[in-house]
PDB file of N, CA and C in Angstrom:
ATOM      1  N   UNK A   1     102.285 101.062  86.253  1.00  0.00           N
ATOM      2  CA  UNK A   1     103.576 100.656  86.655  1.00  0.00           C
ATOM      3  C   UNK A   1     103.532  99.182  86.897  1.00  0.00           C
ATOM      4  N   UNK A   2     104.720  98.503  86.840  1.00  0.00           N
ATOM      5  CA  UNK A   2     105.042  97.013  87.138  1.00  0.00           C
ATOM      6  C   UNK A   2     105.830  96.982  88.138  1.00  0.00           C
ATOM      7  N   UNK A   3     105.429  95.891  89.113  1.00  0.00           N
ATOM      8  CA  UNK A   3     106.475  95.478  90.241  1.00  0.00           C
ATOM      9  C   UNK A   3     107.065  94.236  89.822  1.00  0.00           C
ATOM     10  N   UNK A   4     108.270  93.979  89.940  1.00  0.00           N
ATOM     11  CA  UNK A   4     108.893  92.745  89.637  1.00  0.00           C
ATOM     12  C   UNK A   4     109.207  91.875  90.619  1.00  0.00           C
ATOM     13  N   UNK A   5     109.591  90.715  90.329  1.00  0.00           N
ATOM     14  CA  UNK A   5     110.018  89.713  91.407  1.00  0.00           C
ATOM     15  C   UNK A   5     109.191  88.612  91.415  1.00  0.00           C
ATOM     16  N   UNK A   6     109.023  87.730  92.402  1.00  0.00           N
ATOM     17  CA  UNK A   6     108.474  86.554  92.604  1.00  0.00           C
ATOM     18  C   UNK A   6     106.973  86.925  92.544  1.00  0.00           C
ATOM     19  N   UNK A   7     106.319  87.896  92.923  1.00  0.00           N
ATOM     20  CA  UNK A   7     105.066  88.103  93.007  1.00  0.00           C
ATOM     21  C   UNK A   7     104.822  89.398  92.190  1.00  0.00           C
ATOM     22  N   UNK A   8     105.039  89.370  90.929  1.00  0.00           N
ATOM     23  CA  UNK A   8     104.955  90.711  90.045  1.00  0.00           C
ATOM     24  C   UNK A   8     103.492  90.797  89.831  1.00  0.00           C
ATOM     25  N   UNK A   9     103.176  92.201  89.725  1.00  0.00           N
ATOM     26  CA  UNK A   9     101.850  92.553  89.367  1.00  0.00           C
ATOM     27  C   UNK A   9     101.909  94.136  88.862  1.00  0.00           C
ATOM     28  N   UNK A  10     100.845  94.408  88.161  1.00  0.00           N
ATOM     29  CA  UNK A  10     100.661  95.687  87.664  1.00  0.00           C
ATOM     30  C   UNK A  10      99.739  96.638  88.487  1.00  0.00           C
ATOM     31  N   UNK A  11      99.981  97.805  88.709  1.00  0.00           N
ATOM     32  CA  UNK A  11      99.336  98.680  89.511  1.00  0.00           C
ATOM     33  C   UNK A  11      99.488 100.004  88.865  1.00  0.00           C
ATOM     34  N   UNK A  12      98.334 100.766  89.224  1.00  0.00           N
ATOM     35  CA  UNK A  12      97.936 102.170  88.757  1.00  0.00           C
ATOM     36  C   UNK A  12      97.591 102.870  90.186  1.00  0.00           C
ATOM     37  N   UNK A  13      98.142 104.179  90.264  1.00  0.00           N
ATOM     38  CA  UNK A  13      97.689 104.836  91.575  1.00  0.00           C
ATOM     39  C   UNK A  13      97.522 106.234  91.144  1.00  0.00           C
ATOM     40  N   UNK A  14      96.864 107.175  91.867  1.00  0.00           N
ATOM     41  CA  UNK A  14      96.739 108.440  91.596  1.00  0.00           C
ATOM     42  C   UNK A  14      96.223 109.151  93.068  1.00  0.00           C
ATOM     43  N   UNK A  15      96.203 110.477  92.940  1.00  0.00           N
ATOM     44  CA  UNK A  15      95.796 111.152  94.111  1.00  0.00           C
ATOM     45  C   UNK A  15      94.479 111.685  94.037  1.00  0.00           C
ATOM     46  N   UNK A  16      93.947 111.911  92.659  1.00  0.00           N
ATOM     47  CA  UNK A  16      92.769 112.406  92.484  1.00  0.00           C
ATOM     48  C   UNK A  16      92.152 112.006  91.156  1.00  0.00           C
ATOM     49  N   UNK A  17      90.896 111.695  90.883  1.00  0.00           N
ATOM     50  CA  UNK A  17      90.303 111.488  89.618  1.00  0.00           C
ATOM     51  C   UNK A  17      88.789 111.913  89.635  1.00  0.00           C
ATOM     52  N   UNK A  18      88.297 112.560  88.784  1.00  0.00           N
ATOM     53  CA  UNK A  18      86.944 112.947  88.835  1.00  0.00           C
ATOM     54  C   UNK A  18      85.916 111.874  89.109  1.00  0.00           C
ATOM     55  N   UNK A  19      86.173 110.608  88.679  1.00  0.00           N
ATOM     56  CA  UNK A  19      85.310 109.494  88.732  1.00  0.00           C
ATOM     57  C   UNK A  19      86.319 108.241  88.952  1.00  0.00           C
ATOM     58  N   UNK A  20      86.000 107.318  89.836  1.00  0.00           N
ATOM     59  CA  UNK A  20      86.741 106.057  89.987  1.00  0.00           C
ATOM     60  C   UNK A  20      86.031 104.934  89.291  1.00  0.00           C
ATOM     61  N   UNK A  21      84.867 105.126  88.837  1.00  0.00           N
ATOM     62  CA  UNK A  21      84.103 103.926  88.400  1.00  0.00           C
ATOM     63  C   UNK A  21      84.799 103.138  87.458  1.00  0.00           C
ATOM     64  N   UNK A  22      85.326 103.737  86.343  1.00  0.00           N
ATOM     65  CA  UNK A  22      86.003 102.911  85.217  1.00  0.00           C
ATOM     66  C   UNK A  22      87.216 102.139  85.957  1.00  0.00           C
ATOM     67  N   UNK A  23      87.879 102.880  86.764  1.00  0.00           N
ATOM     68  CA  UNK A  23      89.195 102.024  87.463  1.00  0.00           C
ATOM     69  C   UNK A  23      88.739 100.993  88.214  1.00  0.00           C
ATOM     70  N   UNK A  24      87.693 101.140  89.095  1.00  0.00           N
ATOM     71  CA  UNK A  24      87.279 100.177  89.911  1.00  0.00           C
ATOM     72  C   UNK A  24      86.572  98.988  89.139  1.00  0.00           C
ATOM     73  N   UNK A  25      85.936  99.286  88.203  1.00  0.00           N
ATOM     74  CA  UNK A  25      85.255  98.177  87.309  1.00  0.00           C
ATOM     75  C   UNK A  25      86.381  97.398  86.838  1.00  0.00           C
ATOM     76  N   UNK A  26      87.541  97.751  86.270  1.00  0.00           N
ATOM     77  CA  UNK A  26      88.530  97.215  85.662  1.00  0.00           C
ATOM     78  C   UNK A  26      89.627  96.526  86.623  1.00  0.00           C
ATOM     79  N   UNK A  27      89.474  96.885  87.768  1.00  0.00           N
ATOM     80  CA  UNK A  27      90.601  96.389  88.765  1.00  0.00           C
ATOM     81  C   UNK A  27      90.067  94.889  89.278  1.00  0.00           C
ATOM     82  N   UNK A  28      91.279  94.091  89.408  1.00  0.00           N
ATOM     83  CA  UNK A  28      91.184  92.770  90.079  1.00  0.00           C
ATOM     84  C   UNK A  28      91.072  93.066  91.740  1.00  0.00           C
ATOM     85  N   UNK A  29      91.870  93.926  92.168  1.00  0.00           N
ATOM     86  CA  UNK A  29      91.989  94.146  93.571  1.00  0.00           C
ATOM     87  C   UNK A  29      92.032  95.714  93.753  1.00  0.00           C
ATOM     88  N   UNK A  30      91.101  96.135  94.625  1.00  0.00           N
ATOM     89  CA  UNK A  30      91.143  97.607  95.030  1.00  0.00           C
ATOM     90  C   UNK A  30      91.847  97.780  96.295  1.00  0.00           C
ATOM     91  N   UNK A  31      92.819  98.723  96.327  1.00  0.00           N
ATOM     92  CA  UNK A  31      93.324  99.123  97.580  1.00  0.00           C
ATOM     93  C   UNK A  31      92.897 100.583  97.855  1.00  0.00           C
ATOM     94  N   UNK A  32      92.260 100.692  98.824  1.00  0.00           N
ATOM     95  CA  UNK A  32      91.480 101.940  99.059  1.00  0.00           C
ATOM     96  C   UNK A  32      91.748 102.639 100.575  1.00  0.00           C
ATOM     97  N   UNK A  33      91.367 103.732 100.836  1.00  0.00           N
ATOM     98  CA  UNK A  33      91.364 104.368 102.079  1.00  0.00           C
ATOM     99  C   UNK A  33      89.994 103.779 102.714  1.00  0.00           C
ATOM    100  N   UNK A  34      89.818 103.941 104.052  1.00  0.00           N
ATOM    101  CA  UNK A  34      88.761 103.371 104.827  1.00  0.00           C
ATOM    102  C   UNK A  34      87.492 104.167 104.636  1.00  0.00           C
ATOM    103  N   UNK A  35      87.178 104.815 103.769  1.00  0.00           N
ATOM    104  CA  UNK A  35      86.098 105.682 103.689  1.00  0.00           C
ATOM    105  C   UNK A  35      84.799 104.800 103.385  1.00  0.00           C
ATOM    106  N   UNK A  36      83.656 105.211 104.139  1.00  0.00           N
ATOM    107  CA  UNK A  36      82.425 104.199 103.587  1.00  0.00           C
ATOM    108  C   UNK A  36      82.070 104.240 102.290  1.00  0.00           C
ATOM    109  N   UNK A  37      82.279 105.161 101.554  1.00  0.00           N
ATOM    110  CA  UNK A  37      81.768 105.282 100.207  1.00  0.00           C
ATOM    111  C   UNK A  37      82.670 104.422  99.205  1.00  0.00           C
ATOM    112  N   UNK A  38      83.988 104.403  99.505  1.00  0.00           N
ATOM    113  CA  UNK A  38      84.870 103.593  98.755  1.00  0.00           C
ATOM    114  C   UNK A  38      84.734 102.104  99.049  1.00  0.00           C
ATOM    115  N   UNK A  39      84.588 101.844 100.285  1.00  0.00           N
ATOM    116  CA  UNK A  39      84.367 100.458 100.649  1.00  0.00           C
ATOM    117  C   UNK A  39      83.045  99.917 100.066  1.00  0.00           C
ATOM    118  N   UNK A  40      81.934 100.774 100.267  1.00  0.00           N
ATOM    119  CA  UNK A  40      80.612 100.258  99.747  1.00  0.00           C
ATOM    120  C   UNK A  40      80.595 100.014  98.218  1.00  0.00           C
ATOM    121  N   UNK A  41      81.273 100.974  97.581  1.00  0.00           N
ATOM    122  CA  UNK A  41      81.336 101.030  96.135  1.00  0.00           C
ATOM    123  C   UNK A  41      82.016  99.656  95.660  1.00  0.00           C
ATOM    124  N   UNK A  42      83.234  99.301  96.366  1.00  0.00           N
ATOM    125  CA  UNK A  42      84.030  98.189  96.058  1.00  0.00           C
ATOM    126  C   UNK A  42      83.308  96.743  96.045  1.00  0.00           C
ATOM    127  N   UNK A  43      82.535  96.847  97.136  1.00  0.00           N
ATOM    128  CA  UNK A  43      81.786  95.734  97.579  1.00  0.00           C
ATOM    129  C   UNK A  43      80.636  95.531  96.593  1.00  0.00           C
ATOM    130  N   UNK A  44      80.034  96.505  96.311  1.00  0.00           N
ATOM    131  CA  UNK A  44      78.983  96.564  95.206  1.00  0.00           C
ATOM    132  C   UNK A  44      79.305  95.986  94.041  1.00  0.00           C
ATOM    133  N   UNK A  45      80.548  96.373  93.561  1.00  0.00           N
ATOM    134  CA  UNK A  45      81.283  95.857  92.219  1.00  0.00           C
ATOM    135  C   UNK A  45      81.763  94.438  92.576  1.00  0.00           C
ATOM    136  N   UNK A  46      81.610  93.735  93.591  1.00  0.00           N
ATOM    137  CA  UNK A  46      82.065  92.460  93.920  1.00  0.00           C
ATOM    138  C   UNK A  46      83.484  92.298  93.678  1.00  0.00           C
ATOM    139  N   UNK A  47      84.425  93.394  93.999  1.00  0.00           N
ATOM    140  CA  UNK A  47      85.764  93.379  93.816  1.00  0.00           C
ATOM    141  C   UNK A  47      86.589  92.994  95.323  1.00  0.00           C
ATOM    142  N   UNK A  48      87.696  92.296  95.076  1.00  0.00           N
ATOM    143  CA  UNK A  48      88.614  92.117  96.176  1.00  0.00           C
ATOM    144  C   UNK A  48      89.165  93.462  96.716  1.00  0.00           C
ATOM    145  N   UNK A  49      89.179  93.464  98.101  1.00  0.00           N
ATOM    146  CA  UNK A  49      89.488  94.855  98.564  1.00  0.00           C
ATOM    147  C   UNK A  49      90.256  94.834  99.628  1.00  0.00           C
ATOM    148  N   UNK A  50      91.260  95.694  99.616  1.00  0.00           N
ATOM    149  CA  UNK A  50      92.240  95.876 100.896  1.00  0.00           C
ATOM    150  C   UNK A  50      91.976  97.260 101.226  1.00  0.00           C
ATOM    151  N   UNK A  51      91.597  97.409 102.497  1.00  0.00           N
ATOM    152  CA  UNK A  51      91.191  98.803 103.120  1.00  0.00           C
ATOM    153  C   UNK A  51      92.486  99.160 103.853  1.00  0.00           C
ATOM    154  N   UNK A  52      93.147 100.562 103.636  1.00  0.00           N
ATOM    155  CA  UNK A  52      94.374 101.071 104.298  1.00  0.00           C
ATOM    156  C   UNK A  52      93.824 102.136 105.186  1.00  0.00           C
ATOM    157  N   UNK A  53      93.874 101.742 106.557  1.00  0.00           N
ATOM    158  CA  UNK A  53      93.393 102.759 107.503  1.00  0.00           C
ATOM    159  C   UNK A  53      94.420 103.797 107.783  1.00  0.00           C
ATOM    160  N   UNK A  54      93.821 105.138 108.063  1.00  0.00           N
ATOM    161  CA  UNK A  54      94.658 106.321 108.367  1.00  0.00           C
ATOM    162  C   UNK A  54      94.656 106.183 110.086  1.00  0.00           C
ATOM    163  N   UNK A  55      95.829 105.949 110.409  1.00  0.00           N
ATOM    164  CA  UNK A  55      95.954 105.819 111.690  1.00  0.00           C
ATOM    165  C   UNK A  55      96.102 107.004 112.438  1.00  0.00           C
ATOM    166  N   UNK A  56      96.328 108.126 112.050  1.00  0.00           N
ATOM    167  CA  UNK A  56      96.297 109.455 112.585  1.00  0.00           C
ATOM    168  C   UNK A  56      95.073 110.076 112.880  1.00  0.00           C
ATOM    169  N   UNK A  57      93.909 109.499 112.634  1.00  0.00           N
ATOM    170  CA  UNK A  57      92.676 110.211 112.931  1.00  0.00           C
ATOM    171  C   UNK A  57      92.401 110.256 114.255  1.00  0.00           C
ATOM    172  N   UNK A  58      91.968 111.243 114.823  1.00  0.00           N
ATOM    173  CA  UNK A  58      91.515 111.245 116.497  1.00  0.00           C
ATOM    174  C   UNK A  58      90.476 110.253 116.689  1.00  0.00           C
ATOM    175  N   UNK A  59      89.164 110.299 116.148  1.00  0.00           N
ATOM    176  CA  UNK A  59      88.214 109.420 116.321  1.00  0.00           C
ATOM    177  C   UNK A  59      88.237 108.534 115.168  1.00  0.00           C
ATOM    178  N   UNK A  60      88.907 107.312 115.379  1.00  0.00           N
ATOM    179  CA  UNK A  60      89.276 106.647 114.241  1.00  0.00           C
ATOM    180  C   UNK A  60      87.998 105.570 113.720  1.00  0.00           C
ATOM    181  N   UNK A  61      87.108 106.338 113.298  1.00  0.00           N
ATOM    182  CA  UNK A  61      85.986 105.590 112.663  1.00  0.00           C
ATOM    183  C   UNK A  61      86.382 104.623 111.545  1.00  0.00           C
ATOM    184  N   UNK A  62      87.237 105.065 110.813  1.00  0.00           N
ATOM    185  CA  UNK A  62      87.972 104.239 109.641  1.00  0.00           C
ATOM    186  C   UNK A  62      88.310 102.774 110.126  1.00  0.00           C
ATOM    187  N   UNK A  63      89.150 102.885 111.329  1.00  0.00           N
ATOM    188  CA  UNK A  63      89.392 101.506 111.802  1.00  0.00           C
ATOM    189  C   UNK A  63      88.261 100.657 112.195  1.00  0.00           C
ATOM    190  N   UNK A  64      87.264 101.271 112.899  1.00  0.00           N
ATOM    191  CA  UNK A  64      86.046 100.600 113.493  1.00  0.00           C
ATOM    192  C   UNK A  64      85.484  99.943 112.175  1.00  0.00           C
ATOM    193  N   UNK A  65      85.234 100.634 110.980  1.00  0.00           N
ATOM    194  CA  UNK A  65      84.495 100.306 109.761  1.00  0.00           C
ATOM    195  C   UNK A  65      85.468  99.166 109.268  1.00  0.00           C
ATOM    196  N   UNK A  66      86.603  99.364 108.979  1.00  0.00           N
ATOM    197  CA  UNK A  66      87.543  98.290 108.484  1.00  0.00           C
ATOM    198  C   UNK A  66      87.655  97.091 109.321  1.00  0.00           C
ATOM    199  N   UNK A  67      87.575  97.100 110.451  1.00  0.00           N
ATOM    200  CA  UNK A  67      87.568  95.857 111.457  1.00  0.00           C
ATOM    201  C   UNK A  67      86.260  95.203 111.249  1.00  0.00           C
ATOM    202  N   UNK A  68      85.127  95.771 111.167  1.00  0.00           N
ATOM    203  CA  UNK A  68      83.793  95.276 110.993  1.00  0.00           C
ATOM    204  C   UNK A  68      83.705  94.545 109.544  1.00  0.00           C
ATOM    205  N   UNK A  69      84.094  95.278 108.447  1.00  0.00           N
ATOM    206  CA  UNK A  69      84.255  94.506 107.189  1.00  0.00           C
ATOM    207  C   UNK A  69      85.017  93.307 107.193  1.00  0.00           C
ATOM    208  N   UNK A  70      86.175  93.549 107.816  1.00  0.00           N
ATOM    209  CA  UNK A  70      87.016  92.196 107.713  1.00  0.00           C
ATOM    210  C   UNK A  70      86.461  91.124 108.589  1.00  0.00           C
ATOM    211  N   UNK A  71      85.732  91.323 109.696  1.00  0.00           N
ATOM    212  CA  UNK A  71      85.194  90.437 110.452  1.00  0.00           C
ATOM    213  C   UNK A  71      83.997  89.716 109.748  1.00  0.00           C
ATOM    214  N   UNK A  72      83.384  90.260 108.750  1.00  0.00           N
ATOM    215  CA  UNK A  72      82.365  89.856 107.830  1.00  0.00           C
ATOM    216  C   UNK A  72      82.917  89.077 106.823  1.00  0.00           C
ATOM    217  N   UNK A  73      84.161  89.038 106.456  1.00  0.00           N
ATOM    218  CA  UNK A  73      84.978  88.516 105.375  1.00  0.00           C
ATOM    219  C   UNK A  73      84.767  89.056 104.177  1.00  0.00           C
ATOM    220  N   UNK A  74      84.571  90.456 104.238  1.00  0.00           N
ATOM    221  CA  UNK A  74      84.300  91.375 102.807  1.00  0.00           C
ATOM    222  C   UNK A  74      85.606  91.851 102.410  1.00  0.00           C
ATOM    223  N   UNK A  75      86.523  91.935 103.268  1.00  0.00           N
ATOM    224  CA  UNK A  75      88.066  92.551 102.794  1.00  0.00           C
ATOM    225  C   UNK A  75      88.909  92.308 103.848  1.00  0.00           C
ATOM    226  N   UNK A  76      90.209  92.781 103.565  1.00  0.00           N
ATOM    227  CA  UNK A  76      91.248  92.719 104.653  1.00  0.00           C
ATOM    228  C   UNK A  76      91.550  94.336 105.032  1.00  0.00           C
ATOM    229  N   UNK A  77      92.097  94.571 106.081  1.00  0.00           N
ATOM    230  CA  UNK A  77      92.427  95.976 106.288  1.00  0.00           C
ATOM    231  C   UNK A  77      94.016  95.943 106.709  1.00  0.00           C
ATOM    232  N   UNK A  78      94.598  97.041 106.575  1.00  0.00           N
ATOM    233  CA  UNK A  78      96.001  97.214 107.047  1.00  0.00           C
ATOM    234  C   UNK A  78      96.290  98.613 107.354  1.00  0.00           C
ATOM    235  N   UNK A  79      97.594  98.983 107.580  1.00  0.00           N
ATOM    236  CA  UNK A  79      98.027 100.383 107.913  1.00  0.00           C
ATOM    237  C   UNK A  79      98.929 100.714 106.699  1.00  0.00           C
ATOM    238  N   UNK A  80      99.366 101.860 106.510  1.00  0.00           N
ATOM    239  CA  UNK A  80     100.312 102.008 105.465  1.00  0.00           C
ATOM    240  C   UNK A  80     101.653 101.369 105.628  1.00  0.00           C
ATOM    241  N   UNK A  81     102.101 101.399 106.674  1.00  0.00           N
ATOM    242  CA  UNK A  81     103.284 100.668 107.040  1.00  0.00           C
ATOM    243  C   UNK A  81     103.235  99.228 106.722  1.00  0.00           C
ATOM    244  N   UNK A  82     102.182  98.488 106.912  1.00  0.00           N
ATOM    245  CA  UNK A  82     102.155  97.112 106.674  1.00  0.00           C
ATOM    246  C   UNK A  82     101.429  96.679 105.272  1.00  0.00           C
ATOM    247  N   UNK A  83     101.228  97.531 104.535  1.00  0.00           N
ATOM    248  CA  UNK A  83     100.560  97.372 103.194  1.00  0.00           C
ATOM    249  C   UNK A  83     101.241  96.381 102.281  1.00  0.00           C
ATOM    250  N   UNK A  84     102.482  96.543 102.013  1.00  0.00           N
ATOM    251  CA  UNK A  84     103.314  95.556 101.214  1.00  0.00           C
ATOM    252  C   UNK A  84     103.356  94.264 101.891  1.00  0.00           C
ATOM    253  N   UNK A  85     103.594  93.972 102.988  1.00  0.00           N
ATOM    254  CA  UNK A  85     103.719  92.726 103.670  1.00  0.00           C
ATOM    255  C   UNK A  85     102.367  91.892 103.421  1.00  0.00           C
ATOM    256  N   UNK A  86     101.306  92.740 103.688  1.00  0.00           N
ATOM    257  CA  UNK A  86      99.998  92.027 103.611  1.00  0.00           C
ATOM    258  C   UNK A  86      99.527  91.686 102.170  1.00  0.00           C
ATOM    259  N   UNK A  87      99.966  92.256 101.323  1.00  0.00           N
ATOM    260  CA  UNK A  87      99.724  91.905  99.880  1.00  0.00           C
ATOM    261  C   UNK A  87     100.230  90.664  99.686  1.00  0.00           C
ATOM    262  N   UNK A  88     101.169  90.176 100.353  1.00  0.00           N
ATOM    263  CA  UNK A  88     101.819  88.892 100.052  1.00  0.00           C
ATOM    264  C   UNK A  88     101.227  87.763 101.019  1.00  0.00           C
ATOM    265  N   UNK A  89     100.376  88.250 101.947  1.00  0.00           N
ATOM    266  CA  UNK A  89      99.920  87.161 102.939  1.00  0.00           C
ATOM    267  C   UNK A  89      98.485  86.914 102.682  1.00  0.00           C
ATOM    268  N   UNK A  90      97.708  87.647 102.103  1.00  0.00           N
ATOM    269  CA  UNK A  90      96.183  87.569 102.102  1.00  0.00           C
ATOM    270  C   UNK A  90      95.797  86.938 100.585  1.00  0.00           C
ATOM    271  N   UNK A  91      94.802  85.915 100.778  1.00  0.00           N
ATOM    272  CA  UNK A  91      94.237  85.339  99.665  1.00  0.00           C
ATOM    273  C   UNK A  91      92.981  86.100  99.508  1.00  0.00           C
ATOM    274  N   UNK A  92      93.003  86.960  98.508  1.00  0.00           N
ATOM    275  CA  UNK A  92      91.926  88.004  98.344  1.00  0.00           C
ATOM    276  C   UNK A  92      90.613  87.211  97.641  1.00  0.00           C
ATOM    277  N   UNK A  93      90.893  86.069  96.977  1.00  0.00           N
ATOM    278  CA  UNK A  93      89.874  85.348  96.564  1.00  0.00           C
ATOM    279  C   UNK A  93      89.008  84.666  97.537  1.00  0.00           C
ATOM    280  N   UNK A  94      89.316  84.717  98.671  1.00  0.00           N
ATOM    281  CA  UNK A  94      88.613  84.131  99.807  1.00  0.00           C
ATOM    282  C   UNK A  94      87.411  84.882 100.354  1.00  0.00           C
ATOM    283  N   UNK A  95      87.417  86.280 100.053  1.00  0.00           N
ATOM    284  CA  UNK A  95      86.409  87.151 100.487  1.00  0.00           C
ATOM    285  C   UNK A  95      85.095  86.850 100.034  1.00  0.00           C
ATOM    286  N   UNK A  96      84.066  87.078 100.707  1.00  0.00           N
ATOM    287  CA  UNK A  96      82.495  86.978 100.309  1.00  0.00           C
ATOM    288  C   UNK A  96      82.232  88.118  99.268  1.00  0.00           C
ATOM    289  N   UNK A  97      81.635  87.593  98.265  1.00  0.00           N
ATOM    290  CA  UNK A  97      81.400  88.603  97.195  1.00  0.00           C
ATOM    291  C   UNK A  97      79.870  88.556  96.810  1.00  0.00           C
TER     292      UNK A  97
END
């Protein structure tokens, strides 16, 4: 799909895929849930990463992990409600790779 306007970009999304390896290798930016495996794989591939935290979890380990990764300048994190605005605010090229 394509988004139009001043900051146009192409994106692909899905709920499930048997493997994400090819998608992740070809992406310039990965937007992911805050699971440790997804974060680790994105960082291993040296991809720009935006982590979207599930705020409804009781013991929000996702938020703790996302905050720690952002503090190390490995990624940015956001919530679903703030996702679109953050896409326009963050310079994803500035992350440690």
